C-alpha atoms as a PDB file:
ATOM      1  CA  MET A   1     131.431 162.020 124.408  1.00  0.00           C
ATOM      2  CA  ALA A   2     129.609 158.743 124.351  1.00  0.00           C
ATOM      3  CA  PHE A   3     131.558 155.572 124.053  1.00  0.00           C
ATOM      4  CA  ILE A   4     130.170 152.483 122.338  1.00  0.00           C
ATOM      5  CA  THR A   5     131.389 149.240 123.753  1.00  0.00           C
ATOM      6  CA  ILE A   6     131.478 146.329 121.328  1.00  0.00           C
ATOM      7  CA  ALA A   7     131.158 143.054 123.125  1.00  0.00           C
ATOM      8  CA  PRO A   8     133.197 140.141 121.807  1.00  0.00           C
ATOM      9  CA  PRO A   9     131.235 137.346 120.127  1.00  0.00           C
ATOM     10  CA  ALA A  10     129.944 134.722 122.481  1.00  0.00           C
ATOM     11  CA  GLN A  11     131.938 131.571 122.531  1.00  0.00           C
ATOM     12  CA  PRO A  12     130.219 128.338 121.669  1.00  0.00           C
ATOM     13  CA  GLY A  13     129.005 126.594 124.741  1.00  0.00           C
ATOM     14  CA  SER A  14     128.765 129.758 126.865  1.00  0.00           C
ATOM     15  CA  ALA A  15     125.559 131.001 128.473  1.00  0.00           C
ATOM     16  CA  ASP A  16     125.369 133.952 126.052  1.00  0.00           C
ATOM     17  CA  ALA A  17     125.749 131.862 122.934  1.00  0.00           C
ATOM     18  CA  PRO A  18     122.579 131.566 120.822  1.00  0.00           C
ATOM     19  CA  LEU A  19     120.747 128.318 120.923  1.00  0.00           C
ATOM     20  CA  SER A  20     121.319 126.078 117.909  1.00  0.00           C
ATOM     21  CA  GLU A  21     119.862 122.843 116.687  1.00  0.00           C
ATOM     22  CA  PRO A  22     121.178 119.776 118.458  1.00  0.00           C
ATOM     23  CA  ARG A  23     123.796 117.933 116.508  1.00  0.00           C
ATOM     24  CA  LYS A  24     123.761 114.210 116.028  1.00  0.00           C
ATOM     25  CA  VAL A  25     126.377 112.511 118.101  1.00  0.00           C
ATOM     26  CA  SER A  26     128.328 109.940 116.168  1.00  0.00           C
ATOM     27  CA  GLY A  27     130.692 107.647 117.898  1.00  0.00           C
ATOM     28  CA  PRO A  28     131.301 104.092 118.997  1.00  0.00           C
ATOM     29  CA  ASN A  29     127.871 103.821 120.607  1.00  0.00           C
ATOM     30  CA  SER A  30     125.987 104.725 117.410  1.00  0.00           C
ATOM     31  CA  ALA A  31     128.188 102.371 115.409  1.00  0.00           C
ATOM     32  CA  LEU A  32     127.464  99.536 117.830  1.00  0.00           C
ATOM     33  CA  ARG A  33     123.731 100.219 117.682  1.00  0.00           C
ATOM     34  CA  SER A  34     123.732  99.988 113.878  1.00  0.00           C
ATOM     35  CA  LEU A  35     125.967  96.891 113.794  1.00  0.00           C
ATOM     36  CA  PRO A  36     123.133  94.290 114.072  1.00  0.00           C
ATOM     37  CA  SER A  37     121.198  95.848 111.208  1.00  0.00           C
ATOM     38  CA  HIS A  38     124.308  95.924 109.022  1.00  0.00           C
ATOM     39  CA  VAL A  39     125.075  92.305 109.834  1.00  0.00           C
ATOM     40  CA  LEU A  40     121.496  91.326 108.989  1.00  0.00           C
ATOM     41  CA  LEU A  41     121.668  93.170 105.655  1.00  0.00           C
ATOM     42  CA  ILE A  42     124.971  91.494 104.797  1.00  0.00           C
ATOM     43  CA  VAL A  43     123.542  88.050 105.580  1.00  0.00           C
ATOM     44  CA  LEU A  44     120.439  88.729 103.468  1.00  0.00           C
ATOM     45  CA  ALA A  45     122.604  89.983 100.605  1.00  0.00           C
ATOM     46  CA  ILE A  46     124.729  86.832 100.708  1.00  0.00           C
ATOM     47  CA  VAL A  47     121.629  84.625 100.777  1.00  0.00           C
ATOM     48  CA  SER A  48     120.199  86.511  97.772  1.00  0.00           C
ATOM     49  CA  ILE A  49     123.392  86.497  95.721  1.00  0.00           C
ATOM     50  CA  PHE A  50     124.495  82.938  96.443  1.00  0.00           C
ATOM     51  CA  PRO A  51     122.071  81.200  93.984  1.00  0.00           C
ATOM     52  CA  ILE A  52     123.315  83.439  91.165  1.00  0.00           C
ATOM     53  CA  TYR A  53     126.920  82.791  92.187  1.00  0.00           C
ATOM     54  CA  TRP A  54     126.275  79.033  92.267  1.00  0.00           C
ATOM     55  CA  MET A  55     124.653  79.170  88.829  1.00  0.00           C
ATOM     56  CA  PHE A  56     127.742  80.749  87.261  1.00  0.00           C
ATOM     57  CA  VAL A  57     130.111  78.465  89.183  1.00  0.00           C
ATOM     58  CA  THR A  58     128.282  75.380  87.913  1.00  0.00           C
ATOM     59  CA  ALA A  59     128.107  76.797  84.378  1.00  0.00           C
ATOM     60  CA  PHE A  60     131.883  77.248  84.198  1.00  0.00           C
ATOM     61  CA  ARG A  61     132.666  73.757  85.515  1.00  0.00           C
ATOM     62  CA  PRO A  62     133.212  70.672  83.352  1.00  0.00           C
ATOM     63  CA  SER A  63     130.023  68.684  82.844  1.00  0.00           C
ATOM     64  CA  SER A  64     131.490  65.829  84.891  1.00  0.00           C
ATOM     65  CA  ASP A  65     131.779  68.147  87.937  1.00  0.00           C
ATOM     66  CA  ALA A  66     128.327  69.726  87.622  1.00  0.00           C
ATOM     67  CA  LEU A  67     127.128  68.141  90.872  1.00  0.00           C
ATOM     68  CA  SER A  68     130.239  69.064  92.841  1.00  0.00           C
ATOM     69  CA  THR A  69     129.615  70.825  96.160  1.00  0.00           C
ATOM     70  CA  ASN A  70     132.905  72.720  96.104  1.00  0.00           C
ATOM     71  CA  PRO A  71     132.013  76.422  96.499  1.00  0.00           C
ATOM     72  CA  LEU A  72     135.174  77.550  94.696  1.00  0.00           C
ATOM     73  CA  PRO A  73     134.893  78.145  90.920  1.00  0.00           C
ATOM     74  CA  GLY A  74     137.461  75.663  89.703  1.00  0.00           C
ATOM     75  CA  PRO A  75     138.517  74.143  87.426  1.00  0.00           C
ATOM     76  CA  LEU A  76     137.157  76.582  84.850  1.00  0.00           C
ATOM     77  CA  SER A  77     135.787  75.265  81.570  1.00  0.00           C
ATOM     78  CA  LEU A  78     133.677  76.533  78.652  1.00  0.00           C
ATOM     79  CA  GLU A  79     132.412  73.051  77.837  1.00  0.00           C
ATOM     80  CA  ASN A  80     128.842  73.740  78.966  1.00  0.00           C
ATOM     81  CA  PHE A  81     128.568  76.979  76.982  1.00  0.00           C
ATOM     82  CA  GLN A  82     129.919  75.296  73.846  1.00  0.00           C
ATOM     83  CA  TYR A  83     127.393  72.494  74.253  1.00  0.00           C
ATOM     84  CA  VAL A  84     124.531  74.968  74.666  1.00  0.00           C
ATOM     85  CA  LEU A  85     125.548  76.946  71.570  1.00  0.00           C
ATOM     86  CA  LYS A  86     125.690  73.748  69.500  1.00  0.00           C
ATOM     87  CA  THR A  87     122.494  72.215  70.842  1.00  0.00           C
ATOM     88  CA  ILE A  88     119.968  75.053  70.805  1.00  0.00           C
ATOM     89  CA  PRO A  89     119.755  78.321  68.799  1.00  0.00           C
ATOM     90  CA  ILE A  90     120.397  80.431  71.863  1.00  0.00           C
ATOM     91  CA  ALA A  91     120.819  83.698  69.918  1.00  0.00           C
ATOM     92  CA  GLY A  92     117.448  83.317  68.188  1.00  0.00           C
ATOM     93  CA  MET A  93     115.784  82.377  71.462  1.00  0.00           C
ATOM     94  CA  LEU A  94     117.142  85.466  73.182  1.00  0.00           C
ATOM     95  CA  ALA A  95     115.983  87.645  70.281  1.00  0.00           C
ATOM     96  CA  ASN A  96     112.484  86.136  70.348  1.00  0.00           C
ATOM     97  CA  THR A  97     112.261  86.484  74.112  1.00  0.00           C
ATOM     98  CA  PHE A  98     113.454  90.091  73.921  1.00  0.00           C
ATOM     99  CA  GLY A  99     110.810  90.891  71.308  1.00  0.00           C
ATOM    100  CA  MET A 100     108.116  89.170  73.362  1.00  0.00           C
ATOM    101  CA  ALA A 101     109.081  91.004  76.544  1.00  0.00           C
ATOM    102  CA  MET A 102     109.301  94.362  74.761  1.00  0.00           C
ATOM    103  CA  THR A 103     105.876  93.853  73.166  1.00  0.00           C
ATOM    104  CA  LEU A 104     104.298  92.919  76.488  1.00  0.00           C
ATOM    105  CA  ALA A 105     105.923  95.814  78.363  1.00  0.00           C
ATOM    106  CA  ALA A 106     104.927  98.354  75.683  1.00  0.00           C
ATOM    107  CA  SER A 107     101.325  97.135  75.409  1.00  0.00           C
ATOM    108  CA  GLN A 108     100.842  96.937  79.174  1.00  0.00           C
ATOM    109  CA  LEU A 109     102.326 100.406  79.596  1.00  0.00           C
ATOM    110  CA  LEU A 110     100.088 101.857  76.869  1.00  0.00           C
ATOM    111  CA  VAL A 111      96.933 100.321  78.340  1.00  0.00           C
ATOM    112  CA  ALA A 112      97.972 101.494  81.811  1.00  0.00           C
ATOM    113  CA  ILE A 113      98.484 105.078  80.598  1.00  0.00           C
ATOM    114  CA  LEU A 114      95.079 105.238  78.930  1.00  0.00           C
ATOM    115  CA  ALA A 115      93.168 103.472  81.726  1.00  0.00           C
ATOM    116  CA  SER A 116      94.799 105.341  84.601  1.00  0.00           C
ATOM    117  CA  TYR A 117      94.287 108.669  82.814  1.00  0.00           C
ATOM    118  CA  GLY A 118      90.599 107.898  82.451  1.00  0.00           C
ATOM    119  CA  PHE A 119      90.259 106.881  86.093  1.00  0.00           C
ATOM    120  CA  ALA A 120      92.090 109.948  87.368  1.00  0.00           C
ATOM    121  CA  ARG A 121      90.698 112.561  84.963  1.00  0.00           C
ATOM    122  CA  TRP A 122      86.972 111.893  84.745  1.00  0.00           C
ATOM    123  CA  ASP A 123      84.108 110.879  87.003  1.00  0.00           C
ATOM    124  CA  PHE A 124      81.610 108.532  85.410  1.00  0.00           C
ATOM    125  CA  VAL A 125      78.976 106.039  86.448  1.00  0.00           C
ATOM    126  CA  GLY A 126      80.507 102.786  87.655  1.00  0.00           C
ATOM    127  CA  LYS A 127      84.001 104.212  88.029  1.00  0.00           C
ATOM    128  CA  LYS A 128      84.657 102.633  91.418  1.00  0.00           C
ATOM    129  CA  ALA A 129      83.164  99.302  90.364  1.00  0.00           C
ATOM    130  CA  LEU A 130      85.298  99.209  87.215  1.00  0.00           C
ATOM    131  CA  TYR A 131      88.427 100.044  89.162  1.00  0.00           C
ATOM    132  CA  LEU A 132      87.609  97.300  91.672  1.00  0.00           C
ATOM    133  CA  LEU A 133      87.371  94.885  88.749  1.00  0.00           C
ATOM    134  CA  PHE A 134      90.899  95.890  87.726  1.00  0.00           C
ATOM    135  CA  VAL A 135      92.131  95.339  91.266  1.00  0.00           C
ATOM    136  CA  GLY A 136      90.256  92.040  91.512  1.00  0.00           C
ATOM    137  CA  SER A 137      91.791  90.757  88.275  1.00  0.00           C
ATOM    138  CA  TRP A 138      95.226  91.427  89.762  1.00  0.00           C
ATOM    139  CA  LEU A 139      94.379  89.571  92.971  1.00  0.00           C
ATOM    140  CA  VAL A 140      93.066  86.481  91.178  1.00  0.00           C
ATOM    141  CA  PRO A 141      95.855  83.856  90.954  1.00  0.00           C
ATOM    142  CA  PHE A 142      97.118  83.058  87.477  1.00  0.00           C
ATOM    143  CA  GLN A 143      96.380  79.366  87.987  1.00  0.00           C
ATOM    144  CA  VAL A 144      92.660  80.209  88.094  1.00  0.00           C
ATOM    145  CA  THR A 145      92.644  81.878  84.659  1.00  0.00           C
ATOM    146  CA  MET A 146      95.278  79.640  83.091  1.00  0.00           C
ATOM    147  CA  ILE A 147      92.871  76.999  81.724  1.00  0.00           C
ATOM    148  CA  PRO A 148      90.328  79.506  80.255  1.00  0.00           C
ATOM    149  CA  ASN A 149      93.167  81.424  78.610  1.00  0.00           C
ATOM    150  CA  TYR A 150      94.621  78.212  77.210  1.00  0.00           C
ATOM    151  CA  LEU A 151      91.256  77.192  75.727  1.00  0.00           C
ATOM    152  CA  LEU A 152      90.826  80.657  74.217  1.00  0.00           C
ATOM    153  CA  VAL A 153      94.288  80.614  72.644  1.00  0.00           C
ATOM    154  CA  SER A 154      93.676  77.085  71.360  1.00  0.00           C
ATOM    155  CA  GLN A 155      90.364  78.060  69.734  1.00  0.00           C
ATOM    156  CA  MET A 156      92.088  81.032  68.093  1.00  0.00           C
ATOM    157  CA  GLY A 157      94.689  78.671  66.628  1.00  0.00           C
ATOM    158  CA  LEU A 158      97.593  80.424  68.354  1.00  0.00           C
ATOM    159  CA  LEU A 159      99.180  77.483  70.143  1.00  0.00           C
ATOM    160  CA  ASN A 160     102.955  77.185  69.627  1.00  0.00           C
ATOM    161  CA  THR A 161     103.154  80.852  68.630  1.00  0.00           C
ATOM    162  CA  ILE A 162     104.604  83.849  70.403  1.00  0.00           C
ATOM    163  CA  THR A 163     101.354  85.688  69.660  1.00  0.00           C
ATOM    164  CA  GLY A 164      99.530  83.187  71.859  1.00  0.00           C
ATOM    165  CA  VAL A 165     101.912  84.041  74.681  1.00  0.00           C
ATOM    166  CA  VAL A 166     101.381  87.782  74.275  1.00  0.00           C
ATOM    167  CA  ILE A 167      97.623  88.206  73.728  1.00  0.00           C
ATOM    168  CA  PRO A 168      96.318  87.098  77.183  1.00  0.00           C
ATOM    169  CA  GLN A 169      98.782  89.447  78.900  1.00  0.00           C
ATOM    170  CA  LEU A 170      98.294  92.661  76.936  1.00  0.00           C
ATOM    171  CA  CYS A 171      96.853  94.395  80.015  1.00  0.00           C
ATOM    172  CA  SER A 172      98.394  94.563  83.482  1.00  0.00           C
ATOM    173  CA  ALA A 173      96.097  95.574  86.330  1.00  0.00           C
ATOM    174  CA  PHE A 174      99.150  96.186  88.497  1.00  0.00           C
ATOM    175  CA  ALA A 175     100.463  98.777  86.015  1.00  0.00           C
ATOM    176  CA  VAL A 176      97.066 100.515  85.993  1.00  0.00           C
ATOM    177  CA  MET A 177      97.076 100.693  89.783  1.00  0.00           C
ATOM    178  CA  MET A 178     100.596 102.104  89.859  1.00  0.00           C
ATOM    179  CA  LEU A 179      99.986 104.839  87.292  1.00  0.00           C
ATOM    180  CA  ARG A 180      96.626 105.782  88.764  1.00  0.00           C
ATOM    181  CA  GLN A 181      98.363 106.746  92.005  1.00  0.00           C
ATOM    182  CA  HIS A 182     100.709 109.056  90.092  1.00  0.00           C
ATOM    183  CA  LEU A 183      97.915 110.629  88.071  1.00  0.00           C
ATOM    184  CA  GLU A 184      95.786 111.188  91.161  1.00  0.00           C
ATOM    185  CA  ALA A 185      98.633 113.364  92.490  1.00  0.00           C
ATOM    186  CA  PHE A 186      99.108 115.158  89.159  1.00  0.00           C
ATOM    187  CA  PRO A 187      98.400 118.931  89.435  1.00  0.00           C
ATOM    188  CA  LYS A 188      94.820 119.589  88.343  1.00  0.00           C
ATOM    189  CA  ASP A 189      95.666 123.230  87.596  1.00  0.00           C
ATOM    190  CA  LEU A 190      98.084 122.096  84.909  1.00  0.00           C
ATOM    191  CA  LEU A 191      95.377 120.025  83.248  1.00  0.00           C
ATOM    192  CA  ASP A 192      92.885 122.908  83.433  1.00  0.00           C
ATOM    193  CA  ALA A 193      95.458 125.309  81.963  1.00  0.00           C
ATOM    194  CA  SER A 194      96.077 122.917  79.096  1.00  0.00           C
ATOM    195  CA  GLN A 195      92.350 122.704  78.418  1.00  0.00           C
ATOM    196  CA  MET A 196      92.081 126.496  78.452  1.00  0.00           C
ATOM    197  CA  ASP A 197      94.856 126.652  75.856  1.00  0.00           C
ATOM    198  CA  GLY A 198      92.643 124.688  73.515  1.00  0.00           C
ATOM    199  CA  ARG A 199      94.181 121.245  73.865  1.00  0.00           C
ATOM    200  CA  SER A 200      91.934 118.241  73.695  1.00  0.00           C
ATOM    201  CA  SER A 201      92.070 115.522  76.325  1.00  0.00           C
ATOM    202  CA  TRP A 202      94.098 113.351  73.947  1.00  0.00           C
ATOM    203  CA  ARG A 203      96.682 116.096  73.325  1.00  0.00           C
ATOM    204  CA  THR A 204      96.797 116.923  77.030  1.00  0.00           C
ATOM    205  CA  LEU A 205      97.644 113.326  77.802  1.00  0.00           C
ATOM    206  CA  TRP A 206     100.552 113.066  75.359  1.00  0.00           C
ATOM    207  CA  GLU A 207     101.833 116.659  75.469  1.00  0.00           C
ATOM    208  CA  VAL A 208     101.438 117.466  79.177  1.00  0.00           C
ATOM    209  CA  VAL A 209     100.884 114.373  81.310  1.00  0.00           C
ATOM    210  CA  VAL A 210     103.229 111.836  79.717  1.00  0.00           C
ATOM    211  CA  PRO A 211     106.297 114.162  79.512  1.00  0.00           C
ATOM    212  CA  ASN A 212     105.930 114.934  83.225  1.00  0.00           C
ATOM    213  CA  LEU A 213     105.665 111.240  84.131  1.00  0.00           C
ATOM    214  CA  ARG A 214     108.751 110.034  82.277  1.00  0.00           C
ATOM    215  CA  PRO A 215     110.628 108.822  85.382  1.00  0.00           C
ATOM    216  CA  ALA A 216     107.617 106.871  86.630  1.00  0.00           C
ATOM    217  CA  LEU A 217     106.891 105.466  83.163  1.00  0.00           C
ATOM    218  CA  ALA A 218     110.511 104.434  82.672  1.00  0.00           C
ATOM    219  CA  ALA A 219     110.613 102.695  86.042  1.00  0.00           C
ATOM    220  CA  LEU A 220     107.314 100.912  85.447  1.00  0.00           C
ATOM    221  CA  GLY A 221     108.295  99.908  81.913  1.00  0.00           C
ATOM    222  CA  ILE A 222     111.533  98.336  83.116  1.00  0.00           C
ATOM    223  CA  MET A 223     109.699  96.389  85.795  1.00  0.00           C
ATOM    224  CA  LEU A 224     107.122  95.141  83.274  1.00  0.00           C
ATOM    225  CA  PHE A 225     109.921  94.071  80.922  1.00  0.00           C
ATOM    226  CA  ILE A 226     111.715  92.141  83.661  1.00  0.00           C
ATOM    227  CA  SER A 227     108.457  90.464  84.701  1.00  0.00           C
ATOM    228  CA  ALA A 228     107.724  89.402  81.112  1.00  0.00           C
ATOM    229  CA  TRP A 229     111.288  88.164  80.621  1.00  0.00           C
ATOM    230  CA  ASN A 230     111.160  86.017  83.753  1.00  0.00           C
ATOM    231  CA  GLU A 231     107.762  84.501  82.926  1.00  0.00           C
ATOM    232  CA  TYR A 232     108.031  80.720  82.630  1.00  0.00           C
ATOM    233  CA  LEU A 233     104.730  78.959  83.351  1.00  0.00           C
ATOM    234  CA  TRP A 234     102.582  80.479  80.615  1.00  0.00           C
ATOM    235  CA  PRO A 235     105.184  80.283  77.788  1.00  0.00           C
ATOM    236  CA  SER A 236     106.031  76.692  78.710  1.00  0.00           C
ATOM    237  CA  LEU A 237     102.311  75.836  78.573  1.00  0.00           C
ATOM    238  CA  ILE A 238     101.671  77.469  75.189  1.00  0.00           C
ATOM    239  CA  MET A 239     104.976  76.746  73.426  1.00  0.00           C
ATOM    240  CA  GLN A 240     105.517  73.063  72.745  1.00  0.00           C
ATOM    241  CA  LYS A 241     108.481  73.813  70.501  1.00  0.00           C
ATOM    242  CA  SER A 242     111.768  74.183  72.344  1.00  0.00           C
ATOM    243  CA  ASP A 243     113.455  76.562  69.893  1.00  0.00           C
ATOM    244  CA  ALA A 244     111.295  79.697  70.242  1.00  0.00           C
ATOM    245  CA  LEU A 245     111.730  81.259  73.700  1.00  0.00           C
ATOM    246  CA  ILE A 246     114.631  80.942  76.095  1.00  0.00           C
ATOM    247  CA  GLN A 247     112.362  79.840  78.948  1.00  0.00           C
ATOM    248  CA  VAL A 248     111.201  76.846  76.914  1.00  0.00           C
ATOM    249  CA  GLY A 249     114.640  76.192  75.465  1.00  0.00           C
ATOM    250  CA  ILE A 250     116.195  75.704  78.897  1.00  0.00           C
ATOM    251  CA  ARG A 251     113.543  73.096  79.625  1.00  0.00           C
ATOM    252  CA  GLY A 252     114.921  71.014  76.746  1.00  0.00           C
ATOM    253  CA  PHE A 253     117.911  70.007  78.871  1.00  0.00           C
ATOM    254  CA  LEU A 254     115.580  68.290  81.345  1.00  0.00           C
ATOM    255  CA  GLY A 255     114.797  64.774  80.168  1.00  0.00           C
ATOM    256  CA  ALA A 256     113.921  61.273  81.283  1.00  0.00           C
ATOM    257  CA  GLU A 257     117.476  60.158  80.543  1.00  0.00           C
ATOM    258  CA  GLY A 258     118.866  62.657  83.026  1.00  0.00           C
ATOM    259  CA  ASN A 259     119.242  66.348  83.639  1.00  0.00           C
ATOM    260  CA  ASN A 260     122.262  68.116  82.166  1.00  0.00           C
ATOM    261  CA  TRP A 261     122.739  70.577  85.006  1.00  0.00           C
ATOM    262  CA  GLY A 262     125.853  72.111  83.505  1.00  0.00           C
ATOM    263  CA  ALA A 263     124.033  72.993  80.290  1.00  0.00           C
ATOM    264  CA  ILE A 264     121.004  74.228  82.236  1.00  0.00           C
ATOM    265  CA  MET A 265     123.170  76.586  84.286  1.00  0.00           C
ATOM    266  CA  ALA A 266     125.051  77.777  81.201  1.00  0.00           C
ATOM    267  CA  ALA A 267     121.811  78.543  79.336  1.00  0.00           C
ATOM    268  CA  SER A 268     120.378  80.225  82.434  1.00  0.00           C
ATOM    269  CA  SER A 269     123.506  82.363  82.722  1.00  0.00           C
ATOM    270  CA  LEU A 270     123.107  83.525  79.126  1.00  0.00           C
ATOM    271  CA  ALA A 271     119.418  84.213  79.757  1.00  0.00           C
ATOM    272  CA  CYS A 272     120.321  86.459  82.713  1.00  0.00           C
ATOM    273  CA  LEU A 273     122.713  88.646  80.711  1.00  0.00           C
ATOM    274  CA  PRO A 274     120.040  91.026  79.273  1.00  0.00           C
ATOM    275  CA  ILE A 275     118.636  91.648  82.752  1.00  0.00           C
ATOM    276  CA  PHE A 276     122.132  92.310  84.107  1.00  0.00           C
ATOM    277  CA  LEU A 277     122.786  94.787  81.279  1.00  0.00           C
ATOM    278  CA  ILE A 278     119.518  96.573  82.016  1.00  0.00           C
ATOM    279  CA  TYR A 279     120.472  96.859  85.667  1.00  0.00           C
ATOM    280  CA  ILE A 280     123.986  98.121  84.858  1.00  0.00           C
ATOM    281  CA  PHE A 281     122.891 100.866  82.460  1.00  0.00           C
ATOM    282  CA  LEU A 282     119.504 101.731  84.005  1.00  0.00           C
ATOM    283  CA  GLN A 283     120.239 101.081  87.665  1.00  0.00           C
ATOM    284  CA  ARG A 284     118.549 104.253  88.896  1.00  0.00           C
ATOM    285  CA  TYR A 285     115.281 103.439  87.138  1.00  0.00           C
ATOM    286  CA  VAL A 286     115.378  99.773  88.196  1.00  0.00           C
ATOM    287  CA  VAL A 287     115.769 100.677  91.877  1.00  0.00           C
ATOM    288  CA  ASP A 288     113.095 103.349  91.547  1.00  0.00           C
ATOM    289  CA  ALA A 289     110.727 100.789  90.012  1.00  0.00           C
ATOM    290  CA  PHE A 290     110.972  98.439  92.985  1.00  0.00           C
ATOM    291  CA  VAL A 291     110.791 101.311  95.474  1.00  0.00           C
ATOM    292  CA  ARG A 292     107.627 102.634  93.834  1.00  0.00           C
ATOM    293  CA  SER A 293     106.063  99.182  93.769  1.00  0.00           C
ATOM    294  CA  GLY A 294     106.819  98.513  97.443  1.00  0.00           C
ATOM    295  CA  LEU A 295     108.821  95.392  96.588  1.00  0.00           C
ATOM    296  CA  LYS A 296     112.218  94.419  97.941  1.00  0.00           C
END
């Protein structure tokens, strides 16, 4: 009769135990090695947040204490906010600015979708040269094109109008560059299958490409909206009236008689609220937008 001997399982760490992947050792040494990087990140976070903190602290102080250097938020007062609400139509300014930013973000996103789809889908004569023109227009500083754009808007009779603010910025070369990278990586087999099903290029774009790029489009759209909302130089140059956009309205508290810093900080705090709400409710897309763009 043959006997079968069953060997006990090898204990971990013994010579007979099978080799396994090395495990990461975590302990005091690894914590000490990561301590400088954590300290650096904390310092950078404090430096980044402090201006926003100081803005709200100054906004909630009495106007007589606006220039106080006390870092603590006291004594609290709503005097500056009441003055802002009585002095300028802040609600109308926020609505106009929201409409302007939404129009710019939507138009820039639409142009970017069409242009990037053309660059990624077809080969045509002058494709590289045209794309280099897009890239070159993004690299040219705004101060170079500011005067020609101003003369163009003036000749069109659009000074002191929100339309004059929007028209020169309907296209964003940066958005075209971003979406072109996504469309270059889009599966070509999916596009060919859509064409074999009888879809035109236009239907393929809106029925196949756009639905599969929703995360990228949402992230890019949010970033374009934030950029348009924070724009100050061009609106302040076109809009001479101080009751249209929030960027120009805040400037009204700067005068030769003196600067009302409490009112400026209160109006700036109200102007930041839409961006804070976007970040709270769409945090994942906001972070993804800056990660995709390579910004910090």
